[in-house]
């Protein structure tokens, strides 16, 4: 598979964001630096800021304070700047139905590359690449509504990978999968990292984060509570009783 992105950096500098009517900010002066070719986990209880961080990362939300930098260049929020950011940063959501829009699997995977302005031939090449990576060839003509939950997850993942993101945020994508499908999805994510990209997996599964990650960021109340290798973050840590809540 071709990967146009060399190892990049995605940097959050003093990011703050609050939802309208909320008593506390979702993110509060958060700073972190992501580098290419890493397996990263985001952990923390619900409301810690993980999902908001992902939406900031691809420009869906604009920080109220602070800035986002891609390859040490400040992200701009005009059409050109957002396109550049979204070519480099992709998100797979927990519920794959939120990302499946087309009648067939092939059409759905093609949607992202075509939205980037690629030709039909270039989009077809992208589809073929991720179909092989995600083992989707038998499903290409299937209607998306007729897929199983695990199949939908792989198709949604393939649709994002077809845009070749250097940074892939995966929002609890393994939560509802059976053990076999979970292992398949983790293999796909690991292969994407092997190709030089970075996967940031949001998870409540402490054991998964410990075994899978090169680096862990533990978020709490919009701040980074701990960060480092799994050993540095989790060994001997005082895990809150509400960690998975």
C-alpha atoms as a PDB file:
ATOM      1  CA  UNK A   1       0.000   0.000   0.000  1.00  0.00           C
ATOM      2  CA  UNK A   2       1.204   3.486  -0.831  1.00  0.00           C
ATOM      3  CA  UNK A   3       1.455   5.907   2.073  1.00  0.00           C
ATOM      4  CA  UNK A   4       2.046   9.480   0.927  1.00  0.00           C
ATOM      5  CA  UNK A   5       2.653  10.816   4.420  1.00  0.00           C
ATOM      6  CA  UNK A   6       6.118  10.766   5.916  1.00  0.00           C
ATOM      7  CA  UNK A   7       6.275  10.722   9.706  1.00  0.00           C
ATOM      8  CA  UNK A   8       4.422  13.840  10.780  1.00  0.00           C
ATOM      9  CA  UNK A   9       3.657  15.617  14.001  1.00  0.00           C
ATOM     10  CA  UNK A  10       0.287  16.720  15.292  1.00  0.00           C
ATOM     11  CA  UNK A  11       0.580  19.086  18.201  1.00  0.00           C
ATOM     12  CA  UNK A  12      -2.042  20.504  20.564  1.00  0.00           C
ATOM     13  CA  UNK A  13      -0.905  23.678  22.346  1.00  0.00           C
ATOM     14  CA  UNK A  14      -2.936  24.969  25.291  1.00  0.00           C
ATOM     15  CA  UNK A  15      -6.215  23.745  23.813  1.00  0.00           C
ATOM     16  CA  UNK A  16      -9.392  24.819  25.593  1.00  0.00           C
ATOM     17  CA  UNK A  17     -12.953  24.082  24.541  1.00  0.00           C
ATOM     18  CA  UNK A  18     -16.302  24.325  26.343  1.00  0.00           C
ATOM     19  CA  UNK A  19     -19.718  23.231  25.110  1.00  0.00           C
ATOM     20  CA  UNK A  20     -22.528  25.746  25.340  1.00  0.00           C
ATOM     21  CA  UNK A  21     -24.235  25.554  28.718  1.00  0.00           C
ATOM     22  CA  UNK A  22     -21.607  23.265  30.271  1.00  0.00           C
ATOM     23  CA  UNK A  23     -20.417  24.117  33.765  1.00  0.00           C
ATOM     24  CA  UNK A  24     -16.852  22.962  33.078  1.00  0.00           C
ATOM     25  CA  UNK A  25     -14.715  23.028  29.927  1.00  0.00           C
ATOM     26  CA  UNK A  26     -14.376  19.762  28.010  1.00  0.00           C
ATOM     27  CA  UNK A  27     -10.699  20.548  27.428  1.00  0.00           C
ATOM     28  CA  UNK A  28      -8.736  22.940  29.616  1.00  0.00           C
ATOM     29  CA  UNK A  29      -5.265  24.156  28.504  1.00  0.00           C
ATOM     30  CA  UNK A  30      -4.403  20.718  27.124  1.00  0.00           C
ATOM     31  CA  UNK A  31      -1.067  20.235  25.361  1.00  0.00           C
ATOM     32  CA  UNK A  32       0.192  17.056  23.713  1.00  0.00           C
ATOM     33  CA  UNK A  33       2.382  16.053  20.771  1.00  0.00           C
ATOM     34  CA  UNK A  34       1.716  13.066  18.522  1.00  0.00           C
ATOM     35  CA  UNK A  35       4.454  11.716  16.267  1.00  0.00           C
ATOM     36  CA  UNK A  36       4.381   9.388  13.269  1.00  0.00           C
ATOM     37  CA  UNK A  37       4.529   5.614  13.489  1.00  0.00           C
ATOM     38  CA  UNK A  38       3.095   5.183  16.995  1.00  0.00           C
ATOM     39  CA  UNK A  39       0.371   3.138  18.648  1.00  0.00           C
ATOM     40  CA  UNK A  40      -1.263   5.519  21.105  1.00  0.00           C
ATOM     41  CA  UNK A  41      -4.121   4.982  23.541  1.00  0.00           C
ATOM     42  CA  UNK A  42      -6.376   7.617  25.060  1.00  0.00           C
ATOM     43  CA  UNK A  43      -7.850   6.477  28.348  1.00  0.00           C
ATOM     44  CA  UNK A  44     -10.071   8.110  30.939  1.00  0.00           C
ATOM     45  CA  UNK A  45     -13.629   7.993  32.187  1.00  0.00           C
ATOM     46  CA  UNK A  46     -16.564   9.369  30.217  1.00  0.00           C
ATOM     47  CA  UNK A  47     -16.457  13.155  30.163  1.00  0.00           C
ATOM     48  CA  UNK A  48     -12.675  13.300  30.449  1.00  0.00           C
ATOM     49  CA  UNK A  49     -12.329  14.979  27.042  1.00  0.00           C
ATOM     50  CA  UNK A  50     -11.320  12.117  24.745  1.00  0.00           C
ATOM     51  CA  UNK A  51     -14.050  12.592  22.135  1.00  0.00           C
ATOM     52  CA  UNK A  52     -13.669  16.373  22.158  1.00  0.00           C
ATOM     53  CA  UNK A  53      -9.943  15.989  21.573  1.00  0.00           C
ATOM     54  CA  UNK A  54     -10.654  13.861  18.488  1.00  0.00           C
ATOM     55  CA  UNK A  55     -13.089  16.415  17.056  1.00  0.00           C
ATOM     56  CA  UNK A  56     -10.551  19.182  17.625  1.00  0.00           C
ATOM     57  CA  UNK A  57      -7.906  17.038  15.901  1.00  0.00           C
ATOM     58  CA  UNK A  58      -9.699  16.909  12.539  1.00  0.00           C
ATOM     59  CA  UNK A  59     -11.162  20.403  12.627  1.00  0.00           C
ATOM     60  CA  UNK A  60     -14.782  19.484  13.379  1.00  0.00           C
ATOM     61  CA  UNK A  61     -14.459  21.691  16.461  1.00  0.00           C
ATOM     62  CA  UNK A  62     -12.329  24.827  16.660  1.00  0.00           C
ATOM     63  CA  UNK A  63     -10.569  25.472  19.972  1.00  0.00           C
ATOM     64  CA  UNK A  64     -11.675  28.504  21.962  1.00  0.00           C
ATOM     65  CA  UNK A  65      -8.087  28.931  23.121  1.00  0.00           C
ATOM     66  CA  UNK A  66      -4.760  27.499  22.022  1.00  0.00           C
ATOM     67  CA  UNK A  67      -3.815  26.150  18.630  1.00  0.00           C
ATOM     68  CA  UNK A  68      -3.362  22.995  16.596  1.00  0.00           C
ATOM     69  CA  UNK A  69      -0.205  22.454  14.537  1.00  0.00           C
ATOM     70  CA  UNK A  70       0.358  19.924  11.759  1.00  0.00           C
ATOM     71  CA  UNK A  71       4.019  19.403  10.875  1.00  0.00           C
ATOM     72  CA  UNK A  72       4.846  22.490  12.964  1.00  0.00           C
ATOM     73  CA  UNK A  73       2.518  24.613  10.805  1.00  0.00           C
ATOM     74  CA  UNK A  74      -0.431  26.354  12.397  1.00  0.00           C
ATOM     75  CA  UNK A  75      -3.754  24.915  11.244  1.00  0.00           C
ATOM     76  CA  UNK A  76      -6.044  27.433   9.578  1.00  0.00           C
ATOM     77  CA  UNK A  77      -9.806  26.964   9.543  1.00  0.00           C
ATOM     78  CA  UNK A  78     -10.538  28.134   6.030  1.00  0.00           C
ATOM     79  CA  UNK A  79     -11.494  25.606   3.341  1.00  0.00           C
ATOM     80  CA  UNK A  80      -7.901  24.992   2.249  1.00  0.00           C
ATOM     81  CA  UNK A  81      -6.611  24.586   5.792  1.00  0.00           C
ATOM     82  CA  UNK A  82      -9.372  22.209   6.828  1.00  0.00           C
ATOM     83  CA  UNK A  83      -8.895  20.072   3.734  1.00  0.00           C
ATOM     84  CA  UNK A  84      -5.167  19.798   4.475  1.00  0.00           C
ATOM     85  CA  UNK A  85      -5.930  18.821   8.067  1.00  0.00           C
ATOM     86  CA  UNK A  86      -8.585  16.235   7.146  1.00  0.00           C
ATOM     87  CA  UNK A  87      -6.320  14.616   4.574  1.00  0.00           C
ATOM     88  CA  UNK A  88      -3.888  13.964   7.432  1.00  0.00           C
ATOM     89  CA  UNK A  89      -6.296  13.251  10.308  1.00  0.00           C
ATOM     90  CA  UNK A  90      -9.146  10.723  10.170  1.00  0.00           C
ATOM     91  CA  UNK A  91     -11.691   9.540  12.737  1.00  0.00           C
ATOM     92  CA  UNK A  92     -13.509   6.216  13.022  1.00  0.00           C
ATOM     93  CA  UNK A  93     -16.454   6.519  15.384  1.00  0.00           C
ATOM     94  CA  UNK A  94     -17.715   3.974  17.894  1.00  0.00           C
ATOM     95  CA  UNK A  95     -20.980   3.427  16.007  1.00  0.00           C
ATOM     96  CA  UNK A  96     -20.161   2.532  12.372  1.00  0.00           C
ATOM     97  CA  UNK A  97     -23.702   3.433  11.286  1.00  0.00           C
ATOM     98  CA  UNK A  98     -22.701   7.068  11.832  1.00  0.00           C
ATOM     99  CA  UNK A  99     -20.226   6.715   8.933  1.00  0.00           C
ATOM    100  CA  UNK A 100     -21.972   4.442   6.428  1.00  0.00           C
ATOM    101  CA  UNK A 101     -23.974   6.463   3.903  1.00  0.00           C
ATOM    102  CA  UNK A 102     -23.889   4.676   0.536  1.00  0.00           C
ATOM    103  CA  UNK A 103     -25.911   1.777  -0.825  1.00  0.00           C
ATOM    104  CA  UNK A 104     -23.014  -0.652  -1.272  1.00  0.00           C
ATOM    105  CA  UNK A 105     -19.701  -1.328   0.448  1.00  0.00           C
ATOM    106  CA  UNK A 106     -17.692  -0.323  -2.630  1.00  0.00           C
ATOM    107  CA  UNK A 107     -19.562   2.972  -2.963  1.00  0.00           C
ATOM    108  CA  UNK A 108     -19.146   3.757   0.704  1.00  0.00           C
ATOM    109  CA  UNK A 109     -15.382   3.210   0.710  1.00  0.00           C
ATOM    110  CA  UNK A 110     -15.091   5.354  -2.451  1.00  0.00           C
ATOM    111  CA  UNK A 111     -16.887   8.288  -0.857  1.00  0.00           C
ATOM    112  CA  UNK A 112     -13.925   9.683   1.104  1.00  0.00           C
ATOM    113  CA  UNK A 113     -11.389   9.694  -1.759  1.00  0.00           C
ATOM    114  CA  UNK A 114     -13.948  11.222  -4.131  1.00  0.00           C
ATOM    115  CA  UNK A 115     -14.704  13.950  -1.588  1.00  0.00           C
ATOM    116  CA  UNK A 116     -10.983  14.751  -1.583  1.00  0.00           C
ATOM    117  CA  UNK A 117     -11.311  15.534  -5.281  1.00  0.00           C
ATOM    118  CA  UNK A 118      -9.590  12.421  -6.587  1.00  0.00           C
ATOM    119  CA  UNK A 119     -10.483  10.987  -9.983  1.00  0.00           C
ATOM    120  CA  UNK A 120     -12.538   7.825 -10.341  1.00  0.00           C
ATOM    121  CA  UNK A 121      -9.369   5.939 -11.230  1.00  0.00           C
ATOM    122  CA  UNK A 122      -7.475   7.244  -8.180  1.00  0.00           C
ATOM    123  CA  UNK A 123     -10.443   6.480  -5.922  1.00  0.00           C
ATOM    124  CA  UNK A 124     -10.632   2.961  -7.343  1.00  0.00           C
ATOM    125  CA  UNK A 125      -6.955   2.446  -6.521  1.00  0.00           C
ATOM    126  CA  UNK A 126      -7.531   3.615  -2.955  1.00  0.00           C
ATOM    127  CA  UNK A 127     -10.518   1.275  -2.585  1.00  0.00           C
ATOM    128  CA  UNK A 128      -8.534  -1.707  -3.836  1.00  0.00           C
ATOM    129  CA  UNK A 129      -5.745  -0.968  -1.356  1.00  0.00           C
ATOM    130  CA  UNK A 130      -7.949  -0.866   1.730  1.00  0.00           C
ATOM    131  CA  UNK A 131     -10.147  -3.757   0.595  1.00  0.00           C
ATOM    132  CA  UNK A 132      -7.060  -5.934   0.694  1.00  0.00           C
ATOM    133  CA  UNK A 133      -5.895  -4.504   4.015  1.00  0.00           C
ATOM    134  CA  UNK A 134      -9.301  -4.945   5.666  1.00  0.00           C
ATOM    135  CA  UNK A 135     -10.189  -8.253   3.941  1.00  0.00           C
ATOM    136  CA  UNK A 136     -13.398  -6.897   2.438  1.00  0.00           C
ATOM    137  CA  UNK A 137     -13.344  -8.355  -1.085  1.00  0.00           C
ATOM    138  CA  UNK A 138     -16.299 -10.734  -0.462  1.00  0.00           C
ATOM    139  CA  UNK A 139     -18.416  -7.814   0.782  1.00  0.00           C
ATOM    140  CA  UNK A 140     -17.901  -5.218  -1.949  1.00  0.00           C
ATOM    141  CA  UNK A 141     -21.292  -5.635  -3.610  1.00  0.00           C
ATOM    142  CA  UNK A 142     -23.201  -6.083  -0.349  1.00  0.00           C
ATOM    143  CA  UNK A 143     -25.581  -3.350   0.831  1.00  0.00           C
ATOM    144  CA  UNK A 144     -24.174  -1.662   3.918  1.00  0.00           C
ATOM    145  CA  UNK A 145     -27.411  -2.097   5.863  1.00  0.00           C
ATOM    146  CA  UNK A 146     -27.146  -5.887   5.524  1.00  0.00           C
ATOM    147  CA  UNK A 147     -23.724  -6.140   7.194  1.00  0.00           C
ATOM    148  CA  UNK A 148     -23.055  -7.494  10.662  1.00  0.00           C
ATOM    149  CA  UNK A 149     -21.755  -5.141  13.353  1.00  0.00           C
ATOM    150  CA  UNK A 150     -18.177  -6.310  12.902  1.00  0.00           C
ATOM    151  CA  UNK A 151     -18.401  -6.027   9.126  1.00  0.00           C
ATOM    152  CA  UNK A 152     -19.758  -2.492   9.439  1.00  0.00           C
ATOM    153  CA  UNK A 153     -16.827  -1.560  11.672  1.00  0.00           C
ATOM    154  CA  UNK A 154     -14.308  -2.821   9.111  1.00  0.00           C
ATOM    155  CA  UNK A 155     -16.092  -1.028   6.256  1.00  0.00           C
ATOM    156  CA  UNK A 156     -16.219   2.248   8.207  1.00  0.00           C
ATOM    157  CA  UNK A 157     -12.530   1.813   9.013  1.00  0.00           C
ATOM    158  CA  UNK A 158     -11.712   1.112   5.357  1.00  0.00           C
ATOM    159  CA  UNK A 159     -13.585   4.240   4.280  1.00  0.00           C
ATOM    160  CA  UNK A 160     -11.358   6.379   6.490  1.00  0.00           C
ATOM    161  CA  UNK A 161      -8.148   4.533   5.596  1.00  0.00           C
ATOM    162  CA  UNK A 162      -8.894   5.119   1.896  1.00  0.00           C
ATOM    163  CA  UNK A 163      -8.105   8.778   2.583  1.00  0.00           C
ATOM    164  CA  UNK A 164      -4.668   7.667   3.854  1.00  0.00           C
ATOM    165  CA  UNK A 165      -4.618   9.591   7.138  1.00  0.00           C
ATOM    166  CA  UNK A 166      -1.250   9.964   8.827  1.00  0.00           C
ATOM    167  CA  UNK A 167      -3.141  10.162  12.137  1.00  0.00           C
ATOM    168  CA  UNK A 168      -6.115   7.860  12.643  1.00  0.00           C
ATOM    169  CA  UNK A 169      -8.291   8.401  15.708  1.00  0.00           C
ATOM    170  CA  UNK A 170     -10.384   5.335  16.581  1.00  0.00           C
ATOM    171  CA  UNK A 171     -13.149   6.023  19.103  1.00  0.00           C
ATOM    172  CA  UNK A 172     -13.730   2.841  21.114  1.00  0.00           C
ATOM    173  CA  UNK A 173     -14.102   0.848  17.903  1.00  0.00           C
ATOM    174  CA  UNK A 174     -13.417  -2.520  19.577  1.00  0.00           C
ATOM    175  CA  UNK A 175     -15.981  -2.155  22.361  1.00  0.00           C
ATOM    176  CA  UNK A 176     -18.898  -4.121  20.906  1.00  0.00           C
ATOM    177  CA  UNK A 177     -16.922  -6.650  18.854  1.00  0.00           C
ATOM    178  CA  UNK A 178     -16.564 -10.348  19.540  1.00  0.00           C
ATOM    179  CA  UNK A 179     -12.995 -11.538  20.321  1.00  0.00           C
ATOM    180  CA  UNK A 180     -12.249 -12.705  16.763  1.00  0.00           C
ATOM    181  CA  UNK A 181     -13.434  -9.495  15.077  1.00  0.00           C
ATOM    182  CA  UNK A 182     -11.697  -7.431  17.743  1.00  0.00           C
ATOM    183  CA  UNK A 183      -8.404  -9.147  16.910  1.00  0.00           C
ATOM    184  CA  UNK A 184      -8.979  -8.498  13.195  1.00  0.00           C
ATOM    185  CA  UNK A 185      -9.564  -4.784  13.749  1.00  0.00           C
ATOM    186  CA  UNK A 186      -6.498  -4.491  15.988  1.00  0.00           C
ATOM    187  CA  UNK A 187      -4.412  -6.232  13.308  1.00  0.00           C
ATOM    188  CA  UNK A 188      -5.587  -3.669  10.736  1.00  0.00           C
ATOM    189  CA  UNK A 189      -4.729  -0.798  13.080  1.00  0.00           C
ATOM    190  CA  UNK A 190      -1.302  -2.276  13.809  1.00  0.00           C
ATOM    191  CA  UNK A 191      -0.597  -2.682  10.086  1.00  0.00           C
ATOM    192  CA  UNK A 192      -1.499   0.964   9.527  1.00  0.00           C
ATOM    193  CA  UNK A 193       1.109   1.892  12.136  1.00  0.00           C
ATOM    194  CA  UNK A 194       3.670  -0.409  10.521  1.00  0.00           C
ATOM    195  CA  UNK A 195       3.207   1.572   7.311  1.00  0.00           C
ATOM    196  CA  UNK A 196       4.450   4.666   9.159  1.00  0.00           C
ATOM    197  CA  UNK A 197       1.199   6.194  10.372  1.00  0.00           C
ATOM    198  CA  UNK A 198      -0.096   6.791  13.885  1.00  0.00           C
ATOM    199  CA  UNK A 199      -3.247   5.276  15.404  1.00  0.00           C
ATOM    200  CA  UNK A 200      -4.803   6.887  18.463  1.00  0.00           C
ATOM    201  CA  UNK A 201      -7.216   4.436  20.086  1.00  0.00           C
ATOM    202  CA  UNK A 202      -9.719   5.752  22.600  1.00  0.00           C
ATOM    203  CA  UNK A 203     -10.592   2.935  24.989  1.00  0.00           C
ATOM    204  CA  UNK A 204     -11.915   2.093  28.438  1.00  0.00           C
ATOM    205  CA  UNK A 205     -10.037  -1.208  28.295  1.00  0.00           C
ATOM    206  CA  UNK A 206      -7.001  -0.741  30.523  1.00  0.00           C
ATOM    207  CA  UNK A 207      -5.586  -4.164  29.606  1.00  0.00           C
ATOM    208  CA  UNK A 208      -5.834  -3.421  25.878  1.00  0.00           C
ATOM    209  CA  UNK A 209      -4.147  -0.044  26.339  1.00  0.00           C
ATOM    210  CA  UNK A 210      -1.352  -1.650  28.324  1.00  0.00           C
ATOM    211  CA  UNK A 211      -0.659  -4.449  25.831  1.00  0.00           C
ATOM    212  CA  UNK A 212      -1.243  -2.621  22.538  1.00  0.00           C
ATOM    213  CA  UNK A 213       0.190   0.854  23.024  1.00  0.00           C
ATOM    214  CA  UNK A 214       3.582   2.434  22.594  1.00  0.00           C
ATOM    215  CA  UNK A 215       2.303   5.490  24.413  1.00  0.00           C
ATOM    216  CA  UNK A 216      -0.695   6.295  26.609  1.00  0.00           C
ATOM    217  CA  UNK A 217      -2.390   9.596  27.425  1.00  0.00           C
ATOM    218  CA  UNK A 218      -4.664   9.436  30.452  1.00  0.00           C
ATOM    219  CA  UNK A 219      -7.198  12.263  30.370  1.00  0.00           C
ATOM    220  CA  UNK A 220      -9.120  13.530  33.367  1.00  0.00           C
ATOM    221  CA  UNK A 221     -11.455  16.562  33.426  1.00  0.00           C
ATOM    222  CA  UNK A 222     -10.000  17.988  30.228  1.00  0.00           C
ATOM    223  CA  UNK A 223      -6.399  17.684  31.378  1.00  0.00           C
ATOM    224  CA  UNK A 224      -3.690  15.098  30.804  1.00  0.00           C
ATOM    225  CA  UNK A 225      -3.452  13.301  34.121  1.00  0.00           C
ATOM    226  CA  UNK A 226      -0.560  11.031  33.129  1.00  0.00           C
ATOM    227  CA  UNK A 227       1.348  10.323  29.922  1.00  0.00           C
ATOM    228  CA  UNK A 228       4.169   8.079  28.788  1.00  0.00           C
ATOM    229  CA  UNK A 229       4.777   4.412  28.088  1.00  0.00           C
ATOM    230  CA  UNK A 230       2.259   1.874  29.411  1.00  0.00           C
ATOM    231  CA  UNK A 231       4.664   1.062  32.224  1.00  0.00           C
ATOM    232  CA  UNK A 232       5.082   4.724  33.164  1.00  0.00           C
ATOM    233  CA  UNK A 233       1.363   5.484  33.054  1.00  0.00           C
ATOM    234  CA  UNK A 234      -0.278   2.362  34.457  1.00  0.00           C
ATOM    235  CA  UNK A 235       2.131   0.493  36.699  1.00  0.00           C
ATOM    236  CA  UNK A 236       1.384   1.341  40.297  1.00  0.00           C
ATOM    237  CA  UNK A 237      -1.141   3.984  39.256  1.00  0.00           C
ATOM    238  CA  UNK A 238      -4.020   4.797  41.537  1.00  0.00           C
ATOM    239  CA  UNK A 239      -6.763   3.790  39.110  1.00  0.00           C
ATOM    240  CA  UNK A 240     -10.011   5.589  39.991  1.00  0.00           C
ATOM    241  CA  UNK A 241     -12.970   3.339  40.717  1.00  0.00           C
ATOM    242  CA  UNK A 242     -14.819   5.228  37.966  1.00  0.00           C
ATOM    243  CA  UNK A 243     -12.100   4.596  35.378  1.00  0.00           C
ATOM    244  CA  UNK A 244     -14.417   2.730  33.020  1.00  0.00           C
ATOM    245  CA  UNK A 245     -17.551   4.654  33.833  1.00  0.00           C
END
